[in-house]
Amino acid sequence: MAKTKEQKGVIIDKLEDAFKTAQSSVFVHFTKVAVADESAMRRALRKDGVSYFVAKKTLMRRALERLGHKHENLPLEGEVAIAYGGAGDATAAARLVHEFAKKLTDKLVILGGIFEGKLVGQAEMQEIATIPSTQVLRGMFVNVINSPIAGLAVALKAIADKRNLSTS
């Protein structure tokens, strides 16, 4: 059933709001994805605060134009959806879609997206998708800080053990 101009306007407003307010938005090309796989993906995305929305490409282009983004280089072809949001983690949407794209080989492809207000292409969005989550990055940082301290503690213990052996 065809949508009225009012319904299309509401969708364009929703897309524009998503592009404007989300830390990142990812354009996803999908084809021949089973309903069960898509439902599982939507559940996983929702759990991490990422919304997934399928809309007509012309409406996506209009929303991008309203925000002043030049989308000519963005290949919005075939079936396209948008994943946006991510509860405080700017890479969440891209990372989660990337994880599902690995599982659903050739069925899901990242086409590009909007990251921190800037329209980026497929290659840049793929790089963003491989950045670990904020929690993992914090853990890695703590490990880097802790490593020299742990090494020093091991060295001091070895020296203490050596001295205890020589005095006995």
Protein backbone atom coordinates (compact mmCIF):
# COMPACT_ATOMS: atom_id res chain seq x y z
CA MET A 1 0.00 0.00 0.00
CA ALA A 2 1.35 3.39 -1.02
CA LYS A 3 2.20 5.87 1.69
CA THR A 4 0.65 9.32 1.78
CA LYS A 5 2.74 12.50 1.75
CA GLU A 6 2.04 12.89 5.47
CA GLN A 7 3.30 9.39 6.25
CA LYS A 8 6.41 9.99 4.13
CA GLY A 9 6.97 13.29 5.92
CA VAL A 10 6.82 11.53 9.28
CA ILE A 11 9.37 8.96 8.10
CA ILE A 12 11.69 11.69 6.77
CA ASP A 13 11.41 13.51 10.12
CA LYS A 14 12.25 10.29 11.98
CA LEU A 15 15.27 9.65 9.75
CA GLU A 16 16.45 13.25 10.06
CA ASP A 17 16.15 13.05 13.84
CA ALA A 18 18.06 9.76 13.86
CA PHE A 19 20.86 11.20 11.71
CA LYS A 20 21.04 14.34 13.84
CA THR A 21 20.83 12.95 17.37
CA ALA A 22 22.58 9.57 17.14
CA GLN A 23 26.33 9.48 17.68
CA SER A 24 26.52 7.23 14.66
CA SER A 25 24.23 5.89 11.96
CA VAL A 26 25.09 2.99 9.68
CA PHE A 27 23.60 2.32 6.26
CA VAL A 28 23.16 -1.43 5.86
CA HIS A 29 22.49 -3.29 2.62
CA PHE A 30 20.68 -6.55 3.28
CA THR A 31 19.51 -9.26 0.93
CA LYS A 32 17.93 -12.68 1.46
CA VAL A 33 18.18 -12.43 5.25
CA ALA A 34 15.97 -14.99 6.98
CA VAL A 35 13.30 -13.61 9.30
CA ALA A 36 14.81 -15.51 12.24
CA ASP A 37 18.26 -14.00 11.58
CA GLU A 38 16.85 -10.49 11.25
CA SER A 39 14.80 -10.88 14.42
CA ALA A 40 17.88 -12.08 16.33
CA MET A 41 19.87 -9.15 14.98
CA ARG A 42 17.17 -6.63 15.91
CA ARG A 43 17.00 -8.10 19.45
CA ALA A 44 20.77 -7.88 19.88
CA LEU A 45 20.85 -4.34 18.53
CA ARG A 46 17.98 -3.24 20.76
CA LYS A 47 19.71 -4.75 23.81
CA ASP A 48 22.66 -2.41 23.21
CA GLY A 49 20.49 0.64 22.54
CA VAL A 50 20.77 0.53 18.75
CA SER A 51 17.66 1.07 16.62
CA TYR A 52 17.21 -0.59 13.23
CA PHE A 53 14.87 0.94 10.68
CA VAL A 54 14.07 0.07 7.07
CA ALA A 55 12.91 2.93 4.87
CA LYS A 56 12.79 3.82 1.20
CA LYS A 57 16.08 5.08 -0.18
CA THR A 58 14.47 8.23 -1.58
CA LEU A 59 13.26 9.13 1.92
CA MET A 60 16.75 8.50 3.31
CA ARG A 61 18.24 10.74 0.62
CA ARG A 62 15.75 13.50 1.42
CA ALA A 63 16.60 13.33 5.12
CA LEU A 64 20.30 13.52 4.26
CA GLU A 65 19.68 16.50 1.98
CA ARG A 66 17.77 18.31 4.74
CA LEU A 67 20.84 17.98 6.93
CA GLY A 68 23.15 19.20 4.17
CA HIS A 69 24.98 15.92 3.56
CA LYS A 70 26.28 15.24 0.04
CA HIS A 71 25.18 11.65 -0.51
CA GLU A 72 26.09 11.20 -4.19
CA ASN A 73 29.08 8.99 -3.31
CA LEU A 74 27.02 6.85 -0.94
CA PRO A 75 25.81 3.75 -2.84
CA LEU A 76 22.25 3.42 -1.56
CA GLU A 77 21.25 0.54 -3.82
CA GLY A 78 19.14 -2.54 -3.22
CA GLU A 79 17.46 -3.08 0.13
CA VAL A 80 18.80 -0.57 2.65
CA ALA A 81 18.22 -0.15 6.37
CA ILE A 82 19.71 2.17 8.95
CA ALA A 83 21.10 1.20 12.34
CA TYR A 84 21.59 4.14 14.71
CA GLY A 85 22.16 4.99 18.34
CA GLY A 86 24.21 3.03 20.79
CA ALA A 87 23.71 4.13 24.42
CA GLY A 88 26.84 6.23 24.87
CA ASP A 89 29.09 4.20 22.55
CA ALA A 90 29.62 5.87 19.19
CA THR A 91 30.92 2.68 17.56
CA ALA A 92 28.15 0.37 18.83
CA ALA A 93 25.89 0.48 15.77
CA ALA A 94 28.70 -0.14 13.29
CA ARG A 95 30.38 -2.77 15.47
CA LEU A 96 27.19 -4.78 16.04
CA VAL A 97 26.16 -4.68 12.37
CA HIS A 98 29.71 -5.73 11.44
CA GLU A 99 29.50 -8.72 13.82
CA PHE A 100 26.25 -9.85 12.22
CA ALA A 101 27.66 -9.26 8.74
CA LYS A 102 30.44 -11.75 9.58
CA LYS A 103 27.81 -14.33 10.58
CA LEU A 104 25.53 -13.63 7.61
CA THR A 105 28.20 -13.59 4.92
CA ASP A 106 27.12 -11.81 1.72
CA LYS A 107 23.69 -11.04 3.18
CA LEU A 108 24.59 -7.91 5.19
CA VAL A 109 26.99 -5.21 4.02
CA ILE A 110 27.83 -1.85 5.56
CA LEU A 111 27.45 0.82 2.86
CA GLY A 112 28.61 3.80 4.89
CA GLY A 113 27.14 6.01 7.55
CA ILE A 114 27.19 9.15 9.61
CA PHE A 115 29.80 9.26 12.36
CA GLU A 116 29.92 12.24 14.72
CA GLY A 117 27.88 14.36 12.28
CA LYS A 118 30.00 13.58 9.22
CA LEU A 119 28.94 11.39 6.28
CA VAL A 120 31.56 8.66 5.79
CA GLY A 121 31.99 5.98 3.16
CA GLN A 122 32.07 2.22 3.37
CA ALA A 123 35.82 1.88 4.06
CA GLU A 124 35.78 4.39 6.91
CA MET A 125 32.66 2.86 8.45
CA GLN A 126 34.27 -0.61 8.28
CA GLU A 127 37.28 0.78 10.18
CA ILE A 128 34.98 2.30 12.79
CA ALA A 129 33.20 -1.05 13.09
CA THR A 130 36.44 -2.76 14.11
CA ILE A 131 37.12 -0.40 17.04
CA PRO A 132 36.50 -2.25 20.31
CA SER A 133 33.74 -1.12 22.65
CA THR A 134 34.39 1.55 25.27
CA GLN A 135 34.42 -1.05 28.03
CA VAL A 136 37.02 -3.18 26.21
CA LEU A 137 39.16 -0.10 25.49
CA ARG A 138 39.10 0.84 29.17
CA GLY A 139 40.19 -2.68 30.10
CA MET A 140 43.03 -2.50 27.58
CA PHE A 141 44.10 0.88 29.01
CA VAL A 142 44.12 -0.47 32.57
CA ASN A 143 46.19 -3.43 31.40
CA VAL A 144 48.73 -1.09 29.78
CA ILE A 145 48.99 0.94 32.98
CA ASN A 146 49.16 -2.17 35.19
CA SER A 147 51.78 -4.02 33.11
CA PRO A 148 54.89 -2.03 34.24
CA ILE A 149 53.72 -2.13 37.85
CA ALA A 150 53.26 -5.90 37.69
CA GLY A 151 56.70 -6.28 36.07
CA LEU A 152 58.29 -4.20 38.82
CA ALA A 153 56.56 -6.30 41.50
CA VAL A 154 57.85 -9.53 39.92
CA ALA A 155 61.39 -8.11 39.70
CA LEU A 156 61.32 -6.94 43.34
CA LYS A 157 60.07 -10.35 44.48
CA ALA A 158 62.85 -12.06 42.54
CA ILE A 159 65.45 -9.79 44.18
CA ALA A 160 63.95 -10.42 47.63
CA ASP A 161 63.93 -14.18 47.04
CA LYS A 162 67.56 -14.09 45.87
CA ARG A 163 68.65 -12.14 48.95
CA ASN A 164 66.76 -14.48 51.28
CA LEU A 165 68.50 -17.48 49.71
CA SER A 166 71.96 -15.94 50.05
CA THR A 167 71.48 -15.05 53.74
CA SER A 168 70.20 -18.50 54.73
